[in-house]
Amino acid sequence: MEYIYGALLLHSAGKEVDEENLKKVLTEAGVKADDARLKSLVSSLKEVKIDEVLKNAASMAVAAPAHAAEAPKKAESKKEEKKEEKKEEASEEDALAGLSSLFG
């Protein structure tokens, strides 16, 4: 995760995200940089437009709470349905008990 944060820091500072710069950032942050991981990250970010990814990520974060708000509503409606089913079962049992009292 530190490698990604370092790349984002370099990008936001307007610096080129390359192995040398990323290694400097990680070293200054107290992270022992692994050369293989540096190469892997830098090569995978070469074709990525970081600004567009960040913009899309921000819009995804805004959309997520809307979906998250629906989950409690669904849970509440399921609870209400169960309560209604229990009420119906109880009223049926009461009716049957009343009928059985007629026949002793």
PDB file of N, CA and C in Angstrom:
ATOM      1  N   MET A   1       0.825  -1.184   0.000  1.00  0.00           N
ATOM      2  CA  MET A   1       0.000   0.000   0.000  1.00  0.00           C
ATOM      3  C   MET A   1       0.872   1.253   0.000  1.00  0.00           C
ATOM      4  N   GLU A   2       2.011   1.159   0.665  1.00  0.00           N
ATOM      5  CA  GLU A   2       2.912   2.316   0.727  1.00  0.00           C
ATOM      6  C   GLU A   2       3.384   2.722  -0.658  1.00  0.00           C
ATOM      7  N   TYR A   3       3.547   1.740  -1.521  1.00  0.00           N
ATOM      8  CA  TYR A   3       4.022   2.011  -2.875  1.00  0.00           C
ATOM      9  C   TYR A   3       2.983   2.835  -3.648  1.00  0.00           C
ATOM     10  N   ILE A   4       1.730   2.484  -3.481  1.00  0.00           N
ATOM     11  CA  ILE A   4       0.650   3.223  -4.144  1.00  0.00           C
ATOM     12  C   ILE A   4       0.572   4.636  -3.591  1.00  0.00           C
ATOM     13  N   TYR A   5       0.640   4.758  -2.274  1.00  0.00           N
ATOM     14  CA  TYR A   5       0.592   6.088  -1.669  1.00  0.00           C
ATOM     15  C   TYR A   5       1.761   6.945  -2.142  1.00  0.00           C
ATOM     16  N   GLY A   6       2.923   6.340  -2.241  1.00  0.00           N
ATOM     17  CA  GLY A   6       4.090   7.068  -2.730  1.00  0.00           C
ATOM     18  C   GLY A   6       3.890   7.543  -4.155  1.00  0.00           C
ATOM     19  N   ALA A   7       3.329   6.683  -4.994  1.00  0.00           N
ATOM     20  CA  ALA A   7       3.063   7.064  -6.389  1.00  0.00           C
ATOM     21  C   ALA A   7       2.046   8.195  -6.450  1.00  0.00           C
ATOM     22  N   LEU A   8       1.017   8.130  -5.619  1.00  0.00           N
ATOM     23  CA  LEU A   8       0.016   9.203  -5.589  1.00  0.00           C
ATOM     24  C   LEU A   8       0.618  10.517  -5.094  1.00  0.00           C
ATOM     25  N   LEU A   9       1.500  10.424  -4.124  1.00  0.00           N
ATOM     26  CA  LEU A   9       2.171  11.617  -3.616  1.00  0.00           C
ATOM     27  C   LEU A   9       3.023  12.260  -4.699  1.00  0.00           C
ATOM     28  N   LEU A  10       3.770  11.445  -5.406  1.00  0.00           N
ATOM     29  CA  LEU A  10       4.586  11.976  -6.508  1.00  0.00           C
ATOM     30  C   LEU A  10       3.705  12.616  -7.572  1.00  0.00           C
ATOM     31  N   HIS A  11       2.623  11.960  -7.902  1.00  0.00           N
ATOM     32  CA  HIS A  11       1.714  12.500  -8.918  1.00  0.00           C
ATOM     33  C   HIS A  11       1.126  13.838  -8.483  1.00  0.00           C
ATOM     34  N   SER A  12       0.674  13.910  -7.239  1.00  0.00           N
ATOM     35  CA  SER A  12       0.062  15.159  -6.769  1.00  0.00           C
ATOM     36  C   SER A  12       1.078  16.292  -6.653  1.00  0.00           C
ATOM     37  N   ALA A  13       2.357  15.927  -6.483  1.00  0.00           N
ATOM     38  CA  ALA A  13       3.415  16.939  -6.432  1.00  0.00           C
ATOM     39  C   ALA A  13       3.886  17.336  -7.827  1.00  0.00           C
ATOM     40  N   GLY A  14       3.360  16.678  -8.843  1.00  0.00           N
ATOM     41  CA  GLY A  14       3.744  17.002 -10.205  1.00  0.00           C
ATOM     42  C   GLY A  14       5.069  16.384 -10.623  1.00  0.00           C
ATOM     43  N   LYS A  15       5.529  15.410  -9.874  1.00  0.00           N
ATOM     44  CA  LYS A  15       6.787  14.727 -10.185  1.00  0.00           C
ATOM     45  C   LYS A  15       6.488  13.479 -11.014  1.00  0.00           C
ATOM     46  N   GLU A  16       7.493  13.045 -11.768  1.00  0.00           N
ATOM     47  CA  GLU A  16       7.342  11.838 -12.566  1.00  0.00           C
ATOM     48  C   GLU A  16       7.340  10.623 -11.632  1.00  0.00           C
ATOM     49  N   VAL A  17       6.419   9.711 -11.882  1.00  0.00           N
ATOM     50  CA  VAL A  17       6.362   8.491 -11.091  1.00  0.00           C
ATOM     51  C   VAL A  17       7.289   7.475 -11.751  1.00  0.00           C
ATOM     52  N   ASP A  18       8.533   7.463 -11.292  1.00  0.00           N
ATOM     53  CA  ASP A  18       9.503   6.489 -11.786  1.00  0.00           C
ATOM     54  C   ASP A  18      10.140   5.794 -10.592  1.00  0.00           C
ATOM     55  N   GLU A  19      10.957   4.797 -10.877  1.00  0.00           N
ATOM     56  CA  GLU A  19      11.534   3.981  -9.810  1.00  0.00           C
ATOM     57  C   GLU A  19      12.396   4.799  -8.855  1.00  0.00           C
ATOM     58  N   GLU A  20      13.187   5.701  -9.403  1.00  0.00           N
ATOM     59  CA  GLU A  20      14.095   6.503  -8.580  1.00  0.00           C
ATOM     60  C   GLU A  20      13.327   7.403  -7.617  1.00  0.00           C
ATOM     61  N   ASN A  21      12.362   8.143  -8.149  1.00  0.00           N
ATOM     62  CA  ASN A  21      11.582   9.053  -7.303  1.00  0.00           C
ATOM     63  C   ASN A  21      10.760   8.298  -6.261  1.00  0.00           C
ATOM     64  N   LEU A  22      10.163   7.205  -6.689  1.00  0.00           N
ATOM     65  CA  LEU A  22       9.347   6.427  -5.762  1.00  0.00           C
ATOM     66  C   LEU A  22      10.201   5.826  -4.647  1.00  0.00           C
ATOM     67  N   LYS A  23      11.390   5.380  -4.998  1.00  0.00           N
ATOM     68  CA  LYS A  23      12.296   4.817  -3.992  1.00  0.00           C
ATOM     69  C   LYS A  23      12.705   5.892  -2.990  1.00  0.00           C
ATOM     70  N   LYS A  24      12.945   7.121  -3.464  1.00  0.00           N
ATOM     71  CA  LYS A  24      13.300   8.217  -2.564  1.00  0.00           C
ATOM     72  C   LYS A  24      12.170   8.501  -1.574  1.00  0.00           C
ATOM     73  N   VAL A  25      10.946   8.554  -2.091  1.00  0.00           N
ATOM     74  CA  VAL A  25       9.787   8.842  -1.236  1.00  0.00           C
ATOM     75  C   VAL A  25       9.631   7.753  -0.181  1.00  0.00           C
ATOM     76  N   LEU A  26       9.713   6.503  -0.603  1.00  0.00           N
ATOM     77  CA  LEU A  26       9.543   5.401   0.339  1.00  0.00           C
ATOM     78  C   LEU A  26      10.650   5.377   1.390  1.00  0.00           C
ATOM     79  N   THR A  27      11.879   5.619   0.946  1.00  0.00           N
ATOM     80  CA  THR A  27      13.007   5.623   1.871  1.00  0.00           C
ATOM     81  C   THR A  27      12.854   6.737   2.899  1.00  0.00           C
ATOM     82  N   GLU A  28      12.457   7.915   2.459  1.00  0.00           N
ATOM     83  CA  GLU A  28      12.251   9.038   3.377  1.00  0.00           C
ATOM     84  C   GLU A  28      11.107   8.769   4.357  1.00  0.00           C
ATOM     85  N   ALA A  29      10.153   7.940   3.936  1.00  0.00           N
ATOM     86  CA  ALA A  29       9.032   7.605   4.816  1.00  0.00           C
ATOM     87  C   ALA A  29       9.375   6.457   5.763  1.00  0.00           C
ATOM     88  N   GLY A  30      10.580   5.913   5.612  1.00  0.00           N
ATOM     89  CA  GLY A  30      10.997   4.844   6.505  1.00  0.00           C
ATOM     90  C   GLY A  30      10.636   3.457   6.024  1.00  0.00           C
ATOM     91  N   VAL A  31      10.325   3.330   4.740  1.00  0.00           N
ATOM     92  CA  VAL A  31       9.955   2.043   4.173  1.00  0.00           C
ATOM     93  C   VAL A  31      11.140   1.504   3.380  1.00  0.00           C
ATOM     94  N   LYS A  32      11.473   0.244   3.611  1.00  0.00           N
ATOM     95  CA  LYS A  32      12.544  -0.384   2.838  1.00  0.00           C
ATOM     96  C   LYS A  32      11.955  -0.771   1.481  1.00  0.00           C
ATOM     97  N   ALA A  33      12.398  -0.103   0.438  1.00  0.00           N
ATOM     98  CA  ALA A  33      11.847  -0.299  -0.899  1.00  0.00           C
ATOM     99  C   ALA A  33      12.391  -1.563  -1.539  1.00  0.00           C
ATOM    100  N   ASP A  34      11.497  -2.355  -2.071  1.00  0.00           N
ATOM    101  CA  ASP A  34      11.850  -3.575  -2.793  1.00  0.00           C
ATOM    102  C   ASP A  34      11.907  -3.236  -4.281  1.00  0.00           C
ATOM    103  N   ASP A  35      13.053  -3.449  -4.910  1.00  0.00           N
ATOM    104  CA  ASP A  35      13.246  -3.073  -6.306  1.00  0.00           C
ATOM    105  C   ASP A  35      12.266  -3.768  -7.246  1.00  0.00           C
ATOM    106  N   ALA A  36      11.958  -5.018  -6.989  1.00  0.00           N
ATOM    107  CA  ALA A  36      11.020  -5.748  -7.850  1.00  0.00           C
ATOM    108  C   ALA A  36       9.624  -5.136  -7.783  1.00  0.00           C
ATOM    109  N   ARG A  37       9.203  -4.779  -6.591  1.00  0.00           N
ATOM    110  CA  ARG A  37       7.878  -4.154  -6.431  1.00  0.00           C
ATOM    111  C   ARG A  37       7.854  -2.770  -7.063  1.00  0.00           C
ATOM    112  N   LEU A  38       8.958  -2.041  -6.936  1.00  0.00           N
ATOM    113  CA  LEU A  38       9.055  -0.723  -7.567  1.00  0.00           C
ATOM    114  C   LEU A  38       8.894  -0.842  -9.082  1.00  0.00           C
ATOM    115  N   LYS A  39       9.657  -1.757  -9.678  1.00  0.00           N
ATOM    116  CA  LYS A  39       9.583  -1.945 -11.132  1.00  0.00           C
ATOM    117  C   LYS A  39       8.192  -2.361 -11.563  1.00  0.00           C
ATOM    118  N   SER A  40       7.598  -3.258 -10.820  1.00  0.00           N
ATOM    119  CA  SER A  40       6.263  -3.746 -11.151  1.00  0.00           C
ATOM    120  C   SER A  40       5.235  -2.617 -11.116  1.00  0.00           C
ATOM    121  N   LEU A  41       5.260  -1.834 -10.071  1.00  0.00           N
ATOM    122  CA  LEU A  41       4.297  -0.738  -9.943  1.00  0.00           C
ATOM    123  C   LEU A  41       4.507   0.316 -11.014  1.00  0.00           C
ATOM    124  N   VAL A  42       5.746   0.730 -11.203  1.00  0.00           N
ATOM    125  CA  VAL A  42       6.032   1.777 -12.182  1.00  0.00           C
ATOM    126  C   VAL A  42       5.648   1.310 -13.583  1.00  0.00           C
ATOM    127  N   SER A  43       5.943   0.067 -13.926  1.00  0.00           N
ATOM    128  CA  SER A  43       5.590  -0.424 -15.260  1.00  0.00           C
ATOM    129  C   SER A  43       4.080  -0.540 -15.435  1.00  0.00           C
ATOM    130  N   SER A  44       3.368  -0.896 -14.381  1.00  0.00           N
ATOM    131  CA  SER A  44       1.911  -1.000 -14.494  1.00  0.00           C
ATOM    132  C   SER A  44       1.232   0.363 -14.528  1.00  0.00           C
ATOM    133  N   LEU A  45       1.890   1.378 -14.002  1.00  0.00           N
ATOM    134  CA  LEU A  45       1.310   2.726 -14.012  1.00  0.00           C
ATOM    135  C   LEU A  45       1.660   3.522 -15.267  1.00  0.00           C
ATOM    136  N   LYS A  46       2.537   3.012 -16.103  1.00  0.00           N
ATOM    137  CA  LYS A  46       2.956   3.750 -17.300  1.00  0.00           C
ATOM    138  C   LYS A  46       1.786   4.107 -18.204  1.00  0.00           C
ATOM    139  N   GLU A  47       0.863   3.202 -18.400  1.00  0.00           N
ATOM    140  CA  GLU A  47      -0.271   3.412 -19.301  1.00  0.00           C
ATOM    141  C   GLU A  47      -1.512   3.974 -18.592  1.00  0.00           C
ATOM    142  N   VAL A  48      -1.418   4.187 -17.297  1.00  0.00           N
ATOM    143  CA  VAL A  48      -2.571   4.642 -16.520  1.00  0.00           C
ATOM    144  C   VAL A  48      -2.572   6.165 -16.433  1.00  0.00           C
ATOM    145  N   LYS A  49      -3.744   6.734 -16.674  1.00  0.00           N
ATOM    146  CA  LYS A  49      -3.923   8.180 -16.491  1.00  0.00           C
ATOM    147  C   LYS A  49      -4.480   8.371 -15.083  1.00  0.00           C
ATOM    148  N   ILE A  50      -3.599   8.721 -14.182  1.00  0.00           N
ATOM    149  CA  ILE A  50      -3.932   8.754 -12.758  1.00  0.00           C
ATOM    150  C   ILE A  50      -5.059   9.748 -12.463  1.00  0.00           C
ATOM    151  N   ASP A  51      -5.065  10.892 -13.142  1.00  0.00           N
ATOM    152  CA  ASP A  51      -6.125  11.883 -12.905  1.00  0.00           C
ATOM    153  C   ASP A  51      -7.503  11.298 -13.200  1.00  0.00           C
ATOM    154  N   GLU A  52      -7.619  10.563 -14.299  1.00  0.00           N
ATOM    155  CA  GLU A  52      -8.905   9.964 -14.655  1.00  0.00           C
ATOM    156  C   GLU A  52      -9.313   8.885 -13.651  1.00  0.00           C
ATOM    157  N   VAL A  53      -8.357   8.110 -13.209  1.00  0.00           N
ATOM    158  CA  VAL A  53      -8.652   7.064 -12.226  1.00  0.00           C
ATOM    159  C   VAL A  53      -9.137   7.687 -10.923  1.00  0.00           C
ATOM    160  N   LEU A  54      -8.486   8.753 -10.499  1.00  0.00           N
ATOM    161  CA  LEU A  54      -8.900   9.423  -9.263  1.00  0.00           C
ATOM    162  C   LEU A  54     -10.283  10.036  -9.401  1.00  0.00           C
ATOM    163  N   LYS A  55     -10.573  10.602 -10.562  1.00  0.00           N
ATOM    164  CA  LYS A  55     -11.881  11.198 -10.782  1.00  0.00           C
ATOM    165  C   LYS A  55     -12.966  10.122 -10.738  1.00  0.00           C
ATOM    166  N   ASN A  56     -12.708   8.985 -11.372  1.00  0.00           N
ATOM    167  CA  ASN A  56     -13.672   7.878 -11.356  1.00  0.00           C
ATOM    168  C   ASN A  56     -13.817   7.295  -9.958  1.00  0.00           C
ATOM    169  N   ALA A  57     -12.727   7.214  -9.234  1.00  0.00           N
ATOM    170  CA  ALA A  57     -12.781   6.681  -7.873  1.00  0.00           C
ATOM    171  C   ALA A  57     -13.611   7.597  -6.977  1.00  0.00           C
ATOM    172  N   ALA A  58     -13.493   8.894  -7.172  1.00  0.00           N
ATOM    173  CA  ALA A  58     -14.267   9.847  -6.367  1.00  0.00           C
ATOM    174  C   ALA A  58     -15.757   9.702  -6.664  1.00  0.00           C
ATOM    175  N   SER A  59     -16.121   9.501  -7.926  1.00  0.00           N
ATOM    176  CA  SER A  59     -17.535   9.349  -8.258  1.00  0.00           C
ATOM    177  C   SER A  59     -18.068   8.018  -7.750  1.00  0.00           C
ATOM    178  N   MET A  60     -17.224   6.992  -7.711  1.00  0.00           N
ATOM    179  CA  MET A  60     -17.641   5.703  -7.165  1.00  0.00           C
ATOM    180  C   MET A  60     -17.869   5.815  -5.662  1.00  0.00           C
ATOM    181  N   ALA A  61     -17.044   6.586  -4.981  1.00  0.00           N
ATOM    182  CA  ALA A  61     -17.192   6.750  -3.538  1.00  0.00           C
ATOM    183  C   ALA A  61     -18.481   7.486  -3.202  1.00  0.00           C
ATOM    184  N   VAL A  62     -18.876   8.424  -4.057  1.00  0.00           N
ATOM    185  CA  VAL A  62     -20.116   9.162  -3.832  1.00  0.00           C
ATOM    186  C   VAL A  62     -21.305   8.252  -4.070  1.00  0.00           C
ATOM    187  N   ALA A  63     -21.222   7.378  -5.047  1.00  0.00           N
ATOM    188  CA  ALA A  63     -22.332   6.489  -5.361  1.00  0.00           C
ATOM    189  C   ALA A  63     -22.476   5.372  -4.327  1.00  0.00           C
ATOM    190  N   ALA A  64     -21.427   4.979  -3.678  1.00  0.00           N
ATOM    191  CA  ALA A  64     -21.474   3.863  -2.739  1.00  0.00           C
ATOM    192  C   ALA A  64     -22.435   4.091  -1.570  1.00  0.00           C
ATOM    193  N   PRO A  65     -22.469   5.254  -0.932  1.00  0.00           N
ATOM    194  CA  PRO A  65     -23.389   5.426   0.178  1.00  0.00           C
ATOM    195  C   PRO A  65     -24.855   5.293  -0.216  1.00  0.00           C
ATOM    196  N   ALA A  66     -25.192   5.631  -1.453  1.00  0.00           N
ATOM    197  CA  ALA A  66     -26.579   5.481  -1.885  1.00  0.00           C
ATOM    198  C   ALA A  66     -26.989   4.021  -1.852  1.00  0.00           C
ATOM    199  N   HIS A  67     -26.123   3.128  -2.278  1.00  0.00           N
ATOM    200  CA  HIS A  67     -26.424   1.710  -2.237  1.00  0.00           C
ATOM    201  C   HIS A  67     -26.384   1.187  -0.814  1.00  0.00           C
ATOM    202  N   ALA A  68     -25.489   1.715  -0.026  1.00  0.00           N
ATOM    203  CA  ALA A  68     -25.366   1.269   1.356  1.00  0.00           C
ATOM    204  C   ALA A  68     -26.614   1.635   2.157  1.00  0.00           C
ATOM    205  N   ALA A  69     -27.255   2.724   1.806  1.00  0.00           N
ATOM    206  CA  ALA A  69     -28.457   3.152   2.522  1.00  0.00           C
ATOM    207  C   ALA A  69     -29.627   2.225   2.242  1.00  0.00           C
ATOM    208  N   GLU A  70     -29.625   1.559   1.097  1.00  0.00           N
ATOM    209  CA  GLU A  70     -30.720   0.655   0.768  1.00  0.00           C
ATOM    210  C   GLU A  70     -30.690  -0.619   1.606  1.00  0.00           C
ATOM    211  N   ALA A  71     -29.525  -1.063   1.997  1.00  0.00           N
ATOM    212  CA  ALA A  71     -29.402  -2.314   2.740  1.00  0.00           C
ATOM    213  C   ALA A  71     -30.179  -2.291   4.056  1.00  0.00           C
ATOM    214  N   PRO A  72     -30.063  -1.252   4.888  1.00  0.00           N
ATOM    215  CA  PRO A  72     -30.856  -1.251   6.129  1.00  0.00           C
ATOM    216  C   PRO A  72     -32.357  -1.234   5.861  1.00  0.00           C
ATOM    217  N   LYS A  73     -32.770  -0.554   4.789  1.00  0.00           N
ATOM    218  CA  LYS A  73     -34.193  -0.520   4.470  1.00  0.00           C
ATOM    219  C   LYS A  73     -34.700  -1.914   4.138  1.00  0.00           C
ATOM    220  N   LYS A  74     -33.892  -2.678   3.382  1.00  0.00           N
ATOM    221  CA  LYS A  74     -34.293  -4.034   3.035  1.00  0.00           C
ATOM    222  C   LYS A  74     -34.381  -4.896   4.284  1.00  0.00           C
ATOM    223  N   ALA A  75     -33.424  -4.733   5.180  1.00  0.00           N
ATOM    224  CA  ALA A  75     -33.426  -5.509   6.417  1.00  0.00           C
ATOM    225  C   ALA A  75     -34.643  -5.166   7.260  1.00  0.00           C
ATOM    226  N   GLU A  76     -34.994  -3.885   7.320  1.00  0.00           N
ATOM    227  CA  GLU A  76     -36.164  -3.463   8.084  1.00  0.00           C
ATOM    228  C   GLU A  76     -37.435  -4.034   7.480  1.00  0.00           C
ATOM    229  N   SER A  77     -37.537  -4.013   6.145  1.00  0.00           N
ATOM    230  CA  SER A  77     -38.748  -4.528   5.519  1.00  0.00           C
ATOM    231  C   SER A  77     -38.873  -6.031   5.743  1.00  0.00           C
ATOM    232  N   LYS A  78     -37.748  -6.765   5.764  1.00  0.00           N
ATOM    233  CA  LYS A  78     -37.802  -8.190   6.048  1.00  0.00           C
ATOM    234  C   LYS A  78     -38.270  -8.433   7.474  1.00  0.00           C
ATOM    235  N   LYS A  79     -37.801  -7.601   8.418  1.00  0.00           N
ATOM    236  CA  LYS A  79     -38.225  -7.742   9.806  1.00  0.00           C
ATOM    237  C   LYS A  79     -39.721  -7.492   9.930  1.00  0.00           C
ATOM    238  N   GLU A  80     -40.204  -6.456   9.204  1.00  0.00           N
ATOM    239  CA  GLU A  80     -41.622  -6.140   9.263  1.00  0.00           C
ATOM    240  C   GLU A  80     -42.452  -7.278   8.680  1.00  0.00           C
ATOM    241  N   GLU A  81     -41.966  -7.889   7.589  1.00  0.00           N
ATOM    242  CA  GLU A  81     -42.686  -9.006   6.992  1.00  0.00           C
ATOM    243  C   GLU A  81     -42.762 -10.177   7.965  1.00  0.00           C
ATOM    244  N   LYS A  82     -41.665 -10.449   8.668  1.00  0.00           N
ATOM    245  CA  LYS A  82     -41.663 -11.541   9.629  1.00  0.00           C
ATOM    246  C   LYS A  82     -42.637 -11.268  10.766  1.00  0.00           C
ATOM    247  N   LYS A  83     -42.688  -9.991  11.215  1.00  0.00           N
ATOM    248  CA  LYS A  83     -43.616  -9.638  12.280  1.00  0.00           C
ATOM    249  C   LYS A  83     -45.057  -9.846  11.819  1.00  0.00           C
ATOM    250  N   GLU A  84     -45.340  -9.449  10.572  1.00  0.00           N
ATOM    251  CA  GLU A  84     -46.691  -9.607  10.040  1.00  0.00           C
ATOM    252  C   GLU A  84     -47.058 -11.082   9.929  1.00  0.00           C
ATOM    253  N   GLU A  85     -46.100 -11.914   9.488  1.00  0.00           N
ATOM    254  CA  GLU A  85     -46.353 -13.347   9.384  1.00  0.00           C
ATOM    255  C   GLU A  85     -46.647 -13.936  10.761  1.00  0.00           C
ATOM    256  N   LYS A  86     -45.905 -13.508  11.768  1.00  0.00           N
ATOM    257  CA  LYS A  86     -46.133 -14.004  13.123  1.00  0.00           C
ATOM    258  C   LYS A  86     -47.511 -13.581  13.622  1.00  0.00           C
ATOM    259  N   LYS A  87     -47.920 -12.343  13.302  1.00  0.00           N
ATOM    260  CA  LYS A  87     -49.237 -11.871  13.719  1.00  0.00           C
ATOM    261  C   LYS A  87     -50.326 -12.704  13.063  1.00  0.00           C
ATOM    262  N   GLU A  88     -50.157 -13.010  11.761  1.00  0.00           N
ATOM    263  CA  GLU A  88     -51.145 -13.816  11.055  1.00  0.00           C
ATOM    264  C   GLU A  88     -51.223 -15.220  11.659  1.00  0.00           C
ATOM    265  N   GLU A  89     -50.071 -15.807  11.963  1.00  0.00           N
ATOM    266  CA  GLU A  89     -50.050 -17.130  12.567  1.00  0.00           C
ATOM    267  C   GLU A  89     -50.722 -17.105  13.933  1.00  0.00           C
ATOM    268  N   ALA A  90     -50.460 -16.074  14.701  1.00  0.00           N
ATOM    269  CA  ALA A  90     -51.054 -15.965  16.034  1.00  0.00           C
ATOM    270  C   ALA A  90     -52.564 -15.813  15.931  1.00  0.00           C
ATOM    271  N   SER A  91     -53.051 -15.013  14.993  1.00  0.00           N
ATOM    272  CA  SER A  91     -54.494 -14.823  14.872  1.00  0.00           C
ATOM    273  C   SER A  91     -55.163 -16.109  14.392  1.00  0.00           C
ATOM    274  N   GLU A  92     -54.508 -16.898  13.539  1.00  0.00           N
ATOM    275  CA  GLU A  92     -55.052 -18.177  13.112  1.00  0.00           C
ATOM    276  C   GLU A  92     -55.124 -19.137  14.297  1.00  0.00           C
ATOM    277  N   GLU A  93     -54.086 -19.144  15.132  1.00  0.00           N
ATOM    278  CA  GLU A  93     -54.081 -20.013  16.307  1.00  0.00           C
ATOM    279  C   GLU A  93     -55.197 -19.617  17.266  1.00  0.00           C
ATOM    280  N   ASP A  94     -55.427 -18.325  17.433  1.00  0.00           N
ATOM    281  CA  ASP A  94     -56.489 -17.849  18.307  1.00  0.00           C
ATOM    282  C   ASP A  94     -57.852 -18.291  17.768  1.00  0.00           C
ATOM    283  N   ALA A  95     -57.995 -18.202  16.452  1.00  0.00           N
ATOM    284  CA  ALA A  95     -59.274 -18.607  15.855  1.00  0.00           C
ATOM    285  C   ALA A  95     -59.523 -20.095  16.051  1.00  0.00           C
ATOM    286  N   LEU A  96     -58.472 -20.885  15.847  1.00  0.00           N
ATOM    287  CA  LEU A  96     -58.626 -22.338  16.042  1.00  0.00           C
ATOM    288  C   LEU A  96     -58.900 -22.675  17.486  1.00  0.00           C
ATOM    289  N   ALA A  97     -58.270 -21.958  18.388  1.00  0.00           N
ATOM    290  CA  ALA A  97     -58.523 -22.200  19.820  1.00  0.00           C
ATOM    291  C   ALA A  97     -59.968 -21.872  20.157  1.00  0.00           C
ATOM    292  N   GLY A  98     -60.483 -20.808  19.585  1.00  0.00           N
ATOM    293  CA  GLY A  98     -61.879 -20.437  19.826  1.00  0.00           C
ATOM    294  C   GLY A  98     -62.834 -21.486  19.296  1.00  0.00           C
ATOM    295  N   LEU A  99     -62.539 -22.050  18.126  1.00  0.00           N
ATOM    296  CA  LEU A  99     -63.402 -23.077  17.542  1.00  0.00           C
ATOM    297  C   LEU A  99     -63.369 -24.364  18.374  1.00  0.00           C
ATOM    298  N   SER A 100     -62.180 -24.704  18.863  1.00  0.00           N
ATOM    299  CA  SER A 100     -62.085 -25.950  19.654  1.00  0.00           C
ATOM    300  C   SER A 100     -62.845 -25.817  20.968  1.00  0.00           C
ATOM    301  N   SER A 101     -62.970 -24.626  21.491  1.00  0.00           N
ATOM    302  CA  SER A 101     -63.713 -24.453  22.740  1.00  0.00           C
ATOM    303  C   SER A 101     -65.212 -24.674  22.521  1.00  0.00           C
ATOM    304  N   LEU A 102     -65.677 -24.457  21.294  1.00  0.00           N
ATOM    305  CA  LEU A 102     -67.094 -24.707  21.002  1.00  0.00           C
ATOM    306  C   LEU A 102     -67.436 -26.187  21.080  1.00  0.00           C
ATOM    307  N   PHE A 103     -66.449 -27.020  20.712  1.00  0.00           N
ATOM    308  CA  PHE A 103     -66.724 -28.451  20.647  1.00  0.00           C
ATOM    309  C   PHE A 103     -66.181 -29.211  21.854  1.00  0.00           C
ATOM    310  N   GLY A 104     -65.727 -28.493  22.850  1.00  0.00           N
ATOM    311  CA  GLY A 104     -65.357 -29.058  24.124  1.00  0.00           C
ATOM    312  C   GLY A 104     -64.133 -29.819  24.178  1.00  0.00           C
TER     313      GLY A 104
END
